[in-house]
Every structure is written in C-alpha cells, then in structure tokens.
C-alpha atoms as a PDB file:
ATOM      1  CA  MET A   1     105.965 111.700  86.206  1.00  0.00           C
ATOM      2  CA  SER A   2     105.403 107.994  85.723  1.00  0.00           C
ATOM      3  CA  LEU A   3     102.600 106.449  87.762  1.00  0.00           C
ATOM      4  CA  ALA A   4     104.187 103.074  87.084  1.00  0.00           C
ATOM      5  CA  GLN A   5     107.422 104.206  88.740  1.00  0.00           C
ATOM      6  CA  ILE A   6     105.507 105.533  91.740  1.00  0.00           C
ATOM      7  CA  SER A   7     103.681 102.206  92.034  1.00  0.00           C
ATOM      8  CA  ALA A   8     106.962 100.310  91.710  1.00  0.00           C
ATOM      9  CA  THR A   9     108.464 102.410  94.511  1.00  0.00           C
ATOM     10  CA  SER A  10     105.552 101.500  96.757  1.00  0.00           C
ATOM     11  CA  VAL A  11     106.005  97.805  95.965  1.00  0.00           C
ATOM     12  CA  LEU A  12     109.743  98.126  96.585  1.00  0.00           C
ATOM     13  CA  CYS A  13     108.990  99.423 100.082  1.00  0.00           C
ATOM     14  CA  GLN A  14     106.694  96.440 100.698  1.00  0.00           C
ATOM     15  CA  LEU A  15     109.453  94.062  99.624  1.00  0.00           C
ATOM     16  CA  LEU A  16     111.932  95.804 101.918  1.00  0.00           C
ATOM     17  CA  GLU A  17     109.615  95.203 104.867  1.00  0.00           C
ATOM     18  CA  ARG A  18     109.128  91.470 104.279  1.00  0.00           C
ATOM     19  CA  GLU A  19     110.465  89.226 107.051  1.00  0.00           C
ATOM     20  CA  LYS A  20     111.877  86.863 104.421  1.00  0.00           C
ATOM     21  CA  PRO A  21     113.910  88.729 101.772  1.00  0.00           C
ATOM     22  CA  GLU A  22     112.907  86.462  98.859  1.00  0.00           C
ATOM     23  CA  VAL A  23     109.588  86.830  97.070  1.00  0.00           C
ATOM     24  CA  ASN A  24     108.171  84.141  94.790  1.00  0.00           C
ATOM     25  CA  GLY A  25     108.458  84.923  91.091  1.00  0.00           C
ATOM     26  CA  MET A  26     104.795  84.229  90.365  1.00  0.00           C
ATOM     27  CA  THR A  27     103.743  86.529  93.211  1.00  0.00           C
ATOM     28  CA  LEU A  28     106.127  89.228  92.048  1.00  0.00           C
ATOM     29  CA  LEU A  29     105.366  89.132  88.326  1.00  0.00           C
ATOM     30  CA  GLY A  30     101.797  88.000  88.063  1.00  0.00           C
ATOM     31  CA  GLY A  31     100.074  88.134  91.390  1.00  0.00           C
ATOM     32  CA  GLU A  32     100.134  90.405  94.383  1.00  0.00           C
ATOM     33  CA  TYR A  33     102.560  92.956  92.974  1.00  0.00           C
ATOM     34  CA  GLY A  34     101.559  92.923  89.312  1.00  0.00           C
ATOM     35  CA  ASN A  35     103.350  95.070  86.757  1.00  0.00           C
ATOM     36  CA  ALA A  36     105.342  96.915  89.427  1.00  0.00           C
ATOM     37  CA  GLY A  37     107.464  93.799  89.879  1.00  0.00           C
ATOM     38  CA  ARG A  38     108.478  93.908  86.226  1.00  0.00           C
ATOM     39  CA  ASP A  39     109.396  97.572  86.577  1.00  0.00           C
ATOM     40  CA  LEU A  40     111.669  96.739  89.517  1.00  0.00           C
ATOM     41  CA  LEU A  41     113.371  94.037  87.466  1.00  0.00           C
ATOM     42  CA  ARG A  42     113.861  96.447  84.565  1.00  0.00           C
ATOM     43  CA  GLU A  43     115.401  98.965  86.940  1.00  0.00           C
ATOM     44  CA  ARG A  44     117.747  96.183  88.173  1.00  0.00           C
ATOM     45  CA  LEU A  45     116.827  96.752  91.793  1.00  0.00           C
ATOM     46  CA  LEU A  46     116.067  93.053  92.243  1.00  0.00           C
ATOM     47  CA  VAL A  47     118.419  90.087  92.057  1.00  0.00           C
ATOM     48  CA  VAL A  48     117.654  86.397  91.611  1.00  0.00           C
ATOM     49  CA  GLY A  49     117.383  84.458  94.865  1.00  0.00           C
ATOM     50  CA  ALA A  50     117.554  80.739  95.541  1.00  0.00           C
ATOM     51  CA  SER A  51     115.347  78.416  93.441  1.00  0.00           C
ATOM     52  CA  LEU A  52     112.738  76.586  95.512  1.00  0.00           C
ATOM     53  CA  SER A  53     112.658  72.806  95.696  1.00  0.00           C
ATOM     54  CA  HIS A  54     109.102  72.810  97.111  1.00  0.00           C
ATOM     55  CA  VAL A  55     106.311  75.248  96.323  1.00  0.00           C
ATOM     56  CA  THR A  56     102.669  75.671  97.236  1.00  0.00           C
ATOM     57  CA  CYS A  57     100.647  73.600  94.781  1.00  0.00           C
ATOM     58  CA  PRO A  58      98.898  75.938  92.293  1.00  0.00           C
ATOM     59  CA  GLU A  59      96.014  73.468  91.944  1.00  0.00           C
ATOM     60  CA  CYS A  60      94.910  72.981  95.535  1.00  0.00           C
ATOM     61  CA  GLY A  61      96.663  75.997  97.010  1.00  0.00           C
ATOM     62  CA  VAL A  62      97.297  74.075 100.235  1.00  0.00           C
ATOM     63  CA  GLU A  63      99.815  71.263  99.930  1.00  0.00           C
ATOM     64  CA  LEU A  64     103.534  71.626  99.286  1.00  0.00           C
ATOM     65  CA  ALA A  65     104.467  70.259  95.876  1.00  0.00           C
ATOM     66  CA  ARG A  66     107.933  68.965  95.017  1.00  0.00           C
ATOM     67  CA  VAL A  67     109.646  70.317  91.904  1.00  0.00           C
ATOM     68  CA  VAL A  68     110.375  67.297  89.699  1.00  0.00           C
ATOM     69  CA  ARG A  69     111.976  68.715  86.544  1.00  0.00           C
ATOM     70  CA  ASP A  70     111.935  71.462  83.936  1.00  0.00           C
ATOM     71  CA  LEU A  71     109.507  71.292  81.034  1.00  0.00           C
ATOM     72  CA  ALA A  72     109.352  73.130  77.737  1.00  0.00           C
ATOM     73  CA  HIS A  73     108.025  76.676  77.346  1.00  0.00           C
ATOM     74  CA  GLU A  74     109.246  77.926  80.756  1.00  0.00           C
ATOM     75  CA  ASN A  75     107.184  75.377  82.682  1.00  0.00           C
ATOM     76  CA  ILE A  76     108.062  72.883  85.432  1.00  0.00           C
ATOM     77  CA  LEU A  77     106.570  69.577  86.556  1.00  0.00           C
ATOM     78  CA  LEU A  78     105.420  69.374  90.183  1.00  0.00           C
ATOM     79  CA  SER A  79     104.436  66.416  92.330  1.00  0.00           C
ATOM     80  CA  CYS A  80     101.669  67.087  94.863  1.00  0.00           C
ATOM     81  CA  ASP A  81     100.428  64.423  97.322  1.00  0.00           C
ATOM     82  CA  GLU A  82      96.898  65.738  96.869  1.00  0.00           C
ATOM     83  CA  CYS A  83      96.794  66.532  93.142  1.00  0.00           C
ATOM     84  CA  GLY A  84      99.453  64.260  91.660  1.00  0.00           C
ATOM     85  CA  GLU A  85     101.514  65.620  88.772  1.00  0.00           C
ATOM     86  CA  VAL A  86     100.910  69.307  88.062  1.00  0.00           C
ATOM     87  CA  ASN A  87     102.323  71.602  85.383  1.00  0.00           C
ATOM     88  CA  SER A  88     103.218  75.131  86.486  1.00  0.00           C
ATOM     89  CA  PRO A  89     105.055  78.196  85.168  1.00  0.00           C
ATOM     90  CA  ARG A  90     108.720  78.169  86.184  1.00  0.00           C
ATOM     91  CA  SER A  91     108.256  81.537  87.882  1.00  0.00           C
ATOM     92  CA  LEU A  92     106.580  79.674  90.754  1.00  0.00           C
ATOM     93  CA  GLN A  93     109.959  78.143  91.599  1.00  0.00           C
ATOM     94  CA  GLU A  94     112.014  81.302  91.123  1.00  0.00           C
ATOM     95  CA  THR A  95     112.620  83.883  93.826  1.00  0.00           C
ATOM     96  CA  TYR A  96     113.816  87.461  93.808  1.00  0.00           C
ATOM     97  CA  LYS A  97     115.054  89.861  96.464  1.00  0.00           C
ATOM     98  CA  VAL A  98     115.991  93.526  96.663  1.00  0.00           C
ATOM     99  CA  SER A  99     119.617  94.330  95.881  1.00  0.00           C
ATOM    100  CA  LEU A 100     120.307  96.374  99.014  1.00  0.00           C
ATOM    101  CA  PRO A 101     123.705  97.788  97.922  1.00  0.00           C
ATOM    102  CA  LYS A 102     122.274  99.009  94.620  1.00  0.00           C
ATOM    103  CA  PHE A 103     119.178 100.386  96.362  1.00  0.00           C
ATOM    104  CA  ILE A 104     121.210 102.426  98.867  1.00  0.00           C
ATOM    105  CA  ASP A 105     123.577 103.706  96.170  1.00  0.00           C
ATOM    106  CA  ARG A 106     120.642 104.950  94.116  1.00  0.00           C
ATOM    107  CA  LEU A 107     119.196 106.716  97.143  1.00  0.00           C
ATOM    108  CA  MET A 108     122.509 108.473  97.647  1.00  0.00           C
ATOM    109  CA  LEU A 109     122.803 109.490  94.008  1.00  0.00           C
ATOM    110  CA  GLY A 110     119.290 110.921  94.174  1.00  0.00           C
ATOM    111  CA  LEU A 111     120.346 113.086  97.113  1.00  0.00           C
ATOM    112  CA  GLY A 112     123.594 114.113  95.429  1.00  0.00           C
ATOM    113  CA  ILE A 113     125.792 112.173  97.864  1.00  0.00           C
ATOM    114  CA  GLN A 114     128.807 110.114  96.850  1.00  0.00           C
ATOM    115  CA  PRO A 115     128.128 106.355  97.420  1.00  0.00           C
ATOM    116  CA  ASN A 116     131.492 105.771  99.090  1.00  0.00           C
ATOM    117  CA  VAL A 117     130.505 107.669 102.269  1.00  0.00           C
ATOM    118  CA  LYS A 118     127.688 105.373 103.356  1.00  0.00           C
ATOM    119  CA  LYS A 119     127.947 103.434 106.605  1.00  0.00           C
ATOM    120  CA  GLU A 120     125.910 100.385 107.565  1.00  0.00           C
ATOM    121  CA  VAL A 121     124.370 100.980 110.995  1.00  0.00           C
ATOM    122  CA  ALA A 122     122.609  97.622 111.341  1.00  0.00           C
ATOM    123  CA  THR A 123     123.375  94.773 108.940  1.00  0.00           C
ATOM    124  CA  GLU A 124     121.055  94.964 105.903  1.00  0.00           C
ATOM    125  CA  VAL A 125     118.594  97.053 107.933  1.00  0.00           C
ATOM    126  CA  ALA A 126     119.857 100.610 108.522  1.00  0.00           C
ATOM    127  CA  TRP A 127     122.420 102.927 106.933  1.00  0.00           C
ATOM    128  CA  ARG A 128     123.844 106.385 107.430  1.00  0.00           C
ATOM    129  CA  ILE A 129     123.695 107.828 103.926  1.00  0.00           C
ATOM    130  CA  GLY A 130     125.587 111.088 104.273  1.00  0.00           C
ATOM    131  CA  VAL A 131     125.230 114.841 104.648  1.00  0.00           C
ATOM    132  CA  THR A 132     123.717 117.512 102.409  1.00  0.00           C
ATOM    133  CA  GLU A 133     123.347 121.221 102.972  1.00  0.00           C
ATOM    134  CA  PRO A 134     120.351 122.494 101.015  1.00  0.00           C
ATOM    135  CA  VAL A 135     120.315 125.672 103.124  1.00  0.00           C
ATOM    136  CA  ARG A 136     123.498 127.435 104.137  1.00  0.00           C
ATOM    137  CA  GLY A 137     124.331 126.676 107.732  1.00  0.00           C
ATOM    138  CA  LYS A 138     121.623 123.970 108.038  1.00  0.00           C
ATOM    139  CA  PRO A 139     123.122 120.568 107.181  1.00  0.00           C
ATOM    140  CA  LEU A 140     120.979 117.440 106.968  1.00  0.00           C
ATOM    141  CA  THR A 141     122.316 114.040 107.983  1.00  0.00           C
ATOM    142  CA  TRP A 142     120.426 111.384 106.018  1.00  0.00           C
ATOM    143  CA  TYR A 143     119.658 107.849 107.169  1.00  0.00           C
ATOM    144  CA  PHE A 144     117.649 104.991 105.690  1.00  0.00           C
ATOM    145  CA  ALA A 145     116.170 102.179 107.747  1.00  0.00           C
ATOM    146  CA  ARG A 146     113.617  99.419 107.297  1.00  0.00           C
ATOM    147  CA  HIS A 147     111.793  97.335 109.940  1.00  0.00           C
ATOM    148  CA  LEU A 148     111.468 100.420 112.158  1.00  0.00           C
ATOM    149  CA  HIS A 149     108.473  98.844 113.911  1.00  0.00           C
ATOM    150  CA  ASP A 150     111.078  96.654 115.588  1.00  0.00           C
ATOM    151  CA  HIS A 151     111.961  98.601 118.733  1.00  0.00           C
ATOM    152  CA  ARG A 152     115.542  97.273 118.658  1.00  0.00           C
ATOM    153  CA  VAL A 153     116.160  98.597 115.141  1.00  0.00           C
ATOM    154  CA  ALA A 154     114.735 102.015 116.013  1.00  0.00           C
ATOM    155  CA  GLN A 155     116.829 102.163 119.176  1.00  0.00           C
ATOM    156  CA  ARG A 156     120.014 101.211 117.320  1.00  0.00           C
ATOM    157  CA  LEU A 157     119.403 103.983 114.797  1.00  0.00           C
ATOM    158  CA  VAL A 158     118.816 106.542 117.545  1.00  0.00           C
ATOM    159  CA  GLU A 159     122.081 105.514 119.223  1.00  0.00           C
ATOM    160  CA  THR A 160     123.940 106.032 115.939  1.00  0.00           C
ATOM    161  CA  ILE A 161     122.333 109.437 115.391  1.00  0.00           C
ATOM    162  CA  LYS A 162     123.483 110.505 118.850  1.00  0.00           C
ATOM    163  CA  GLN A 163     126.987 109.160 118.216  1.00  0.00           C
ATOM    164  CA  ASP A 164     127.065 111.190 115.001  1.00  0.00           C
ATOM    165  CA  GLN A 165     125.921 114.244 116.995  1.00  0.00           C
ATOM    166  CA  ALA A 166     123.187 114.578 114.378  1.00  0.00           C
ATOM    167  CA  HIS A 167     120.108 114.617 116.612  1.00  0.00           C
ATOM    168  CA  LYS A 168     119.286 118.145 115.387  1.00  0.00           C
ATOM    169  CA  SER A 169     120.032 117.492 111.710  1.00  0.00           C
ATOM    170  CA  ALA A 170     118.901 113.876 111.212  1.00  0.00           C
ATOM    171  CA  LYS A 171     116.380 113.039 108.485  1.00  0.00           C
ATOM    172  CA  VAL A 172     115.323 109.384 108.317  1.00  0.00           C
ATOM    173  CA  LEU A 173     113.945 107.769 105.164  1.00  0.00           C
ATOM    174  CA  THR A 174     112.117 104.493 105.712  1.00  0.00           C
ATOM    175  CA  SER A 175     110.118 101.789 103.979  1.00  0.00           C
ATOM    176  CA  SER A 176     108.222 101.078 107.227  1.00  0.00           C
ATOM    177  CA  ALA A 177     104.586 102.104 107.531  1.00  0.00           C
ATOM    178  CA  LEU A 178     104.013 105.442 109.262  1.00  0.00           C
ATOM    179  CA  PRO A 179     103.228 106.573 111.851  1.00  0.00           C
ATOM    180  CA  LEU A 180     105.625 104.480 113.896  1.00  0.00           C
ATOM    181  CA  PRO A 181     104.264 102.664 116.970  1.00  0.00           C
ATOM    182  CA  GLU A 182     103.544 104.755 120.030  1.00  0.00           C
ATOM    183  CA  GLY A 183     106.619 105.030 122.202  1.00  0.00           C
ATOM    184  CA  SER A 184     109.070 104.489 119.335  1.00  0.00           C
ATOM    185  CA  PRO A 185     112.596 105.769 120.118  1.00  0.00           C
ATOM    186  CA  LEU A 186     112.318 107.751 116.869  1.00  0.00           C
ATOM    187  CA  SER A 187     109.163 109.606 117.888  1.00  0.00           C
ATOM    188  CA  ASP A 188     111.032 112.928 118.210  1.00  0.00           C
ATOM    189  CA  PHE A 189     112.878 112.603 114.891  1.00  0.00           C
ATOM    190  CA  ASP A 190     111.988 113.577 111.335  1.00  0.00           C
ATOM    191  CA  VAL A 191     110.976 110.260 109.714  1.00  0.00           C
ATOM    192  CA  VAL A 192     109.448 110.149 106.199  1.00  0.00           C
ATOM    193  CA  HIS A 193     108.249 107.260 104.062  1.00  0.00           C
ATOM    194  CA  LEU A 194     110.344 106.812 100.932  1.00  0.00           C
ATOM    195  CA  SER A 195     107.407 106.354  98.566  1.00  0.00           C
ATOM    196  CA  ASP A 196     105.901 109.653  99.796  1.00  0.00           C
ATOM    197  CA  VAL A 197     108.880 111.736  98.721  1.00  0.00           C
ATOM    198  CA  ALA A 198     110.605 109.854  95.889  1.00  0.00           C
ATOM    199  CA  ARG A 199     110.248 107.431  92.986  1.00  0.00           C
ATOM    200  CA  ILE A 200     112.653 105.051  91.316  1.00  0.00           C
ATOM    201  CA  SER A 201     114.337 106.086  88.082  1.00  0.00           C
ATOM    202  CA  GLN A 202     116.888 104.595  85.699  1.00  0.00           C
ATOM    203  CA  SER A 203     120.017 105.307  87.723  1.00  0.00           C
ATOM    204  CA  LYS A 204     118.856 106.997  90.919  1.00  0.00           C
ATOM    205  CA  PHE A 205     115.814 107.966  92.941  1.00  0.00           C
ATOM    206  CA  GLU A 206     114.011 111.118  91.883  1.00  0.00           C
ATOM    207  CA  PHE A 207     112.850 113.150  94.877  1.00  0.00           C
ATOM    208  CA  PHE A 208     109.650 115.212  94.637  1.00  0.00           C
ATOM    209  CA  SER A 209     110.683 118.795  95.386  1.00  0.00           C
ATOM    210  CA  ASP A 210     107.108 119.775  96.246  1.00  0.00           C
ATOM    211  CA  ARG A 211     106.844 117.022  98.870  1.00  0.00           C
ATOM    212  CA  MET A 212     110.195 117.555 100.539  1.00  0.00           C
ATOM    213  CA  THR A 213     110.405 119.930 103.452  1.00  0.00           C
ATOM    214  CA  VAL A 214     113.946 120.658 102.298  1.00  0.00           C
ATOM    215  CA  PRO A 215     114.292 123.784 100.124  1.00  0.00           C
ATOM    216  CA  VAL A 216     116.692 123.970  97.226  1.00  0.00           C
ATOM    217  CA  ALA A 217     120.072 125.421  98.069  1.00  0.00           C
ATOM    218  CA  ALA A 218     120.639 129.041  97.113  1.00  0.00           C
ATOM    219  CA  PRO A 219     123.875 130.369  95.618  1.00  0.00           C
ATOM    220  CA  VAL A 220     126.402 131.837  98.026  1.00  0.00           C
ATOM    221  CA  GLU A 221     126.562 135.514  97.153  1.00  0.00           C
ATOM    222  CA  ASP A 222     127.727 136.867 100.506  1.00  0.00           C
ATOM    223  CA  PRO A 223     131.110 138.497  99.820  1.00  0.00           C
ATOM    224  CA  LYS A 224     132.237 137.867 103.412  1.00  0.00           C
ATOM    225  CA  PHE A 225     132.984 134.258 102.396  1.00  0.00           C
ATOM    226  CA  ARG A 226     136.363 134.864 100.797  1.00  0.00           C
ATOM    227  CA  THR A 227     137.633 131.292 101.142  1.00  0.00           C
ATOM    228  CA  THR A 228     134.900 128.679 101.201  1.00  0.00           C
ATOM    229  CA  LEU A 229     133.741 125.238 100.101  1.00  0.00           C
ATOM    230  CA  ARG A 230     130.080 126.299 100.137  1.00  0.00           C
ATOM    231  CA  LEU A 231     129.942 126.505  96.337  1.00  0.00           C
ATOM    232  CA  VAL A 232     131.310 123.031  95.607  1.00  0.00           C
ATOM    233  CA  ARG A 233     128.048 121.058  95.718  1.00  0.00           C
ATOM    234  CA  THR A 234     125.702 123.624  94.203  1.00  0.00           C
ATOM    235  CA  GLU A 235     127.866 125.502  91.677  1.00  0.00           C
ATOM    236  CA  SER A 236     130.902 123.246  91.099  1.00  0.00           C
ATOM    237  CA  LYS A 237     133.218 125.997  92.298  1.00  0.00           C
ATOM    238  CA  ALA A 238     135.710 126.517  95.112  1.00  0.00           C
ATOM    239  CA  ARG A 239     136.497 130.030  96.375  1.00  0.00           C
ATOM    240  CA  VAL A 240     140.000 130.995  97.529  1.00  0.00           C
ATOM    241  CA  ASP A 241     140.799 134.577  98.616  1.00  0.00           C
ATOM    242  CA  GLY A 242     137.710 135.896  96.865  1.00  0.00           C
ATOM    243  CA  VAL A 243     138.421 134.128  93.559  1.00  0.00           C
ATOM    244  CA  ASP A 244     136.032 131.411  92.331  1.00  0.00           C
ATOM    245  CA  TYR A 245     137.687 128.419  90.631  1.00  0.00           C
ATOM    246  CA  ALA A 246     135.507 126.243  88.372  1.00  0.00           C
ATOM    247  CA  LEU A 247     135.861 122.566  89.260  1.00  0.00           C
ATOM    248  CA  GLU A 248     136.140 119.702  86.812  1.00  0.00           C
ATOM    249  CA  PRO A 249     133.868 116.723  87.627  1.00  0.00           C
ATOM    250  CA  ARG A 250     136.725 114.701  89.127  1.00  0.00           C
ATOM    251  CA  GLN A 251     137.870 117.633  91.251  1.00  0.00           C
ATOM    252  CA  LYS A 252     134.328 118.165  92.521  1.00  0.00           C
ATOM    253  CA  ASP A 253     133.916 114.461  93.312  1.00  0.00           C
ATOM    254  CA  LEU A 254     137.139 114.430  95.305  1.00  0.00           C
ATOM    255  CA  LEU A 255     136.221 117.467  97.386  1.00  0.00           C
ATOM    256  CA  LEU A 256     132.686 116.196  97.994  1.00  0.00           C
ATOM    257  CA  ALA A 257     134.033 112.823  99.101  1.00  0.00           C
ATOM    258  CA  LEU A 258     136.140 114.511 101.781  1.00  0.00           C
ATOM    259  CA  MET A 259     133.324 116.891 102.746  1.00  0.00           C
ATOM    260  CA  ASP A 260     130.821 114.058 103.131  1.00  0.00           C
ATOM    261  CA  ASP A 261     133.182 111.785 105.050  1.00  0.00           C
ATOM    262  CA  PHE A 262     132.500 112.047 108.781  1.00  0.00           C
ATOM    263  CA  ASP A 263     136.219 112.075 109.612  1.00  0.00           C
ATOM    264  CA  ARG A 264     136.985 114.445 106.699  1.00  0.00           C
ATOM    265  CA  GLU A 265     139.912 112.232 105.703  1.00  0.00           C
ATOM    266  CA  MET A 266     140.369 109.374 103.249  1.00  0.00           C
ATOM    267  CA  ASP A 267     143.199 107.285 101.854  1.00  0.00           C
ATOM    268  CA  ARG A 268     144.261 107.334  98.207  1.00  0.00           C
ATOM    269  CA  ASP A 269     142.321 104.215  97.186  1.00  0.00           C
ATOM    270  CA  ALA A 270     139.090 105.531  98.693  1.00  0.00           C
ATOM    271  CA  LEU A 271     139.509 108.832  96.879  1.00  0.00           C
ATOM    272  CA  ARG A 272     140.297 107.040  93.632  1.00  0.00           C
ATOM    273  CA  THR A 273     137.019 105.124  93.993  1.00  0.00           C
ATOM    274  CA  ALA A 274     135.143 108.351  94.761  1.00  0.00           C
ATOM    275  CA  CYS A 275     136.561 109.916  91.596  1.00  0.00           C
ATOM    276  CA  ARG A 276     135.759 106.808  89.542  1.00  0.00           C
ATOM    277  CA  SER A 277     139.381 106.623  88.387  1.00  0.00           C
ATOM    278  CA  GLN A 278     140.954 103.396  87.103  1.00  0.00           C
ATOM    279  CA  ALA A 279     144.514 104.723  87.032  1.00  0.00           C
ATOM    280  CA  ASP A 280     147.070 102.890  89.172  1.00  0.00           C
ATOM    281  CA  SER A 281     149.049 106.124  89.368  1.00  0.00           C
ATOM    282  CA  PHE A 282     146.068 108.093  90.711  1.00  0.00           C
ATOM    283  CA  SER A 283     147.146 111.094  92.782  1.00  0.00           C
ATOM    284  CA  PRO A 284     144.831 113.698  94.385  1.00  0.00           C
ATOM    285  CA  SER A 285     147.413 116.423  93.755  1.00  0.00           C
ATOM    286  CA  LYS A 286     147.443 115.567  90.032  1.00  0.00           C
ATOM    287  CA  VAL A 287     143.656 115.835  89.950  1.00  0.00           C
ATOM    288  CA  PHE A 288     144.138 119.516  90.849  1.00  0.00           C
ATOM    289  CA  GLU A 289     147.268 120.159  88.768  1.00  0.00           C
ATOM    290  CA  ARG A 290     145.407 122.816  86.723  1.00  0.00           C
ATOM    291  CA  ILE A 291     144.268 124.656  89.858  1.00  0.00           C
ATOM    292  CA  PRO A 292     146.914 123.805  92.491  1.00  0.00           C
ATOM    293  CA  VAL A 293     145.805 126.736  94.661  1.00  0.00           C
ATOM    294  CA  VAL A 294     142.579 124.847  95.466  1.00  0.00           C
ATOM    295  CA  TYR A 295     144.466 121.687  96.410  1.00  0.00           C
ATOM    296  CA  LYS A 296     146.906 123.576  98.641  1.00  0.00           C
ATOM    297  CA  GLN A 297     144.099 125.471 100.350  1.00  0.00           C
ATOM    298  CA  PHE A 298     141.701 122.630 101.088  1.00  0.00           C
ATOM    299  CA  ILE A 299     143.646 119.331 101.105  1.00  0.00           C
ATOM    300  CA  LYS A 300     146.620 118.176 103.136  1.00  0.00           C
ATOM    301  CA  TYR A 301     148.364 114.829 102.927  1.00  0.00           C
ATOM    302  CA  GLN A 302     149.143 113.362 106.342  1.00  0.00           C
ATOM    303  CA  SER A 303     152.053 111.041 105.692  1.00  0.00           C
ATOM    304  CA  GLY A 304     151.997 109.466 109.154  1.00  0.00           C
ATOM    305  CA  ASP A 305     148.457 108.127 108.658  1.00  0.00           C
ATOM    306  CA  GLY A 306     148.622 107.815 104.887  1.00  0.00           C
ATOM    307  CA  VAL A 307     145.444 109.862 104.428  1.00  0.00           C
ATOM    308  CA  TYR A 308     144.355 113.057 102.726  1.00  0.00           C
ATOM    309  CA  ALA A 309     142.600 115.417 105.136  1.00  0.00           C
ATOM    310  CA  LEU A 310     140.167 118.210 104.328  1.00  0.00           C
ATOM    311  CA  GLN A 311     141.353 121.626 105.483  1.00  0.00           C
ATOM    312  CA  ILE A 312     138.221 123.464 106.565  1.00  0.00           C
ATOM    313  CA  PRO A 313     138.545 127.241 106.271  1.00  0.00           C
ATOM    314  CA  GLU A 314     137.642 129.282 109.338  1.00  0.00           C
ATOM    315  CA  GLU A 315     134.699 130.824 107.482  1.00  0.00           C
ATOM    316  CA  ASP A 316     133.158 127.339 106.974  1.00  0.00           C
ATOM    317  CA  ARG A 317     133.481 126.027 110.513  1.00  0.00           C
ATOM    318  CA  ASP A 318     129.955 127.063 111.457  1.00  0.00           C
ATOM    319  CA  TRP A 319     128.476 124.542 108.997  1.00  0.00           C
ATOM    320  CA  LEU A 320     131.176 122.034 108.056  1.00  0.00           C
ATOM    321  CA  THR A 321     132.466 120.581 111.314  1.00  0.00           C
END
C-alpha cells in the first residue's frame, strides 16, 4: 500500500472542500500540499484552471502583483507596487482544480459500478453513484457528497435518498470533515470519509477491505434460486432454470447496466456506452447471440418507449426491486 497515494487522497479531499475550486500551482506543487499534488497530477485527477493575471507577491507576501510577461526557464515577470519588478516561477500564475467527472467515475469503478448509472443530485456537489449488493438480500445505495457542513447540501441529499427509497440502504462517502455538525440532516445515516476507506490508484479508487463495514459478497450456492441474476456481479454468470451461463465481459456489462439503473430500463445508445461498443449497428440481442436464452429470460425490448427493460425473475424480487 502506497503511503504517497494515501496522502494524495487526503489532499484530494481537502481540494474538494475548498470554496474556490482552483488552487494555485505553487501551493499545490511546492507549498501546502507538497508531493501529494504531483501525485494527483500524475493520476490525472486534476485539470488546468484559468491562469491568473494578478497573484500575491512572493517577495512581500501582501500586495497583489500584476503578471507582466513570461520569462525563460518557466519563470514570469511580476510588477508589485511595493517591491517593483519581481521574478517568480510560472506555477504561481497557474491554477488547477479537481476533475469532478473523472473523480466520480473512478469512485464508481472502485465499487464495481458502471459509470453510466450515476446521477448528479446537486450540481458539482453531490451524486448518487449506484447500487451494490455485497451481501445477498442487503443492497447498498452509494452516494458521494462534498460540502456536507452546508445544511442545504445535507438536506438536499437526504431528500434524494428518501426519493430513492434508500433510507435503509444508503451509504454516503464524503470529503467533508467528520463528524458532521450537530443537528445535521444526515445524522441518522451511514456517512464515511473517503480517505478513511479508500486511496487513489491508476484507474480507480482502491477500497480498504479491512476498513469497510461491508463484507465481501459470497457465492450463491442455494439451489432454490433456479433463475437468478445474483451471480452476474460476483461470478460473471446468469442462471436460467438451474443452468449457469458464463457471461462474456460485454454481456456482463449490459446486464449490470440494467441492474444498476434505477428504472431498470435503458435505450440502445445508453447500453452501447455501458458496453463500451463503438459499433453503429450495436444491438443488445446480438450481444447475447451465443446465449440467447439469457437475453430472452432477462431482457425485453419495449418498442413503444424504445427502451430495453430488465425482466426481474420472481426469485430476485426480494433484493432487486
């Protein structure tokens, strides 16, 4: 486990909680955040923000200095009313901010959820990530939110959780400092700090299994489940009439996309995106042409709405509703 990645995750949470999204390049790379800032850049979780026309003078540390022009060797010339002309590293003028779409997608990948099912609850502040079922019959509905010390943000998230009918299954990840203020609308919900349970990695967040209160899913061995989707996420299989059918990656992605969608229905373009297909002739039925019995059992095209709907077997209705 990389201590640098853990440190970078902590810094990422601090950046997510800033009132202003941009952080000065010198602060990020050489000051307050140190090497963790470089790790975040390497992981491509930060994007370049607007260049500053005025910066705090590095000489006096008080007056605003105007950026005059670029100099050689990654330096810039500043003009300060107090200090006159001052040379400074160009990083003082540069700004960076967290790439929120990439950040949320990596959270979802770390939890094994398809990125196409996310829903923004509050603009650039809170998201519904999706649903997992680490224990049979006990689904978890995941959310991420920042600025939860703002009562309005917390209240908006609670309203969404209630609309989703997920008040018993909600698990909220946050970058906000815990515990939340007394009287927070989220006081009765399971809220965990992201840096306590996960760290950034190259393409997704790695969650610490020993710090999560969520056990690993166990295989479905109960023979009473003769037709079920319970094996799709954990074993890449679908069971029809007691027979297990191994799923190809694209078949698994398509079923998971429908399972994780709150309406359990998606149009062709959305499913094509979920399957990472570039084909103009993409067809869900063709995805399952080698195991058509699985397609016929679990998917139905509704021509009136132009969507593909998940057919939930009776045996799965106690957990996939």
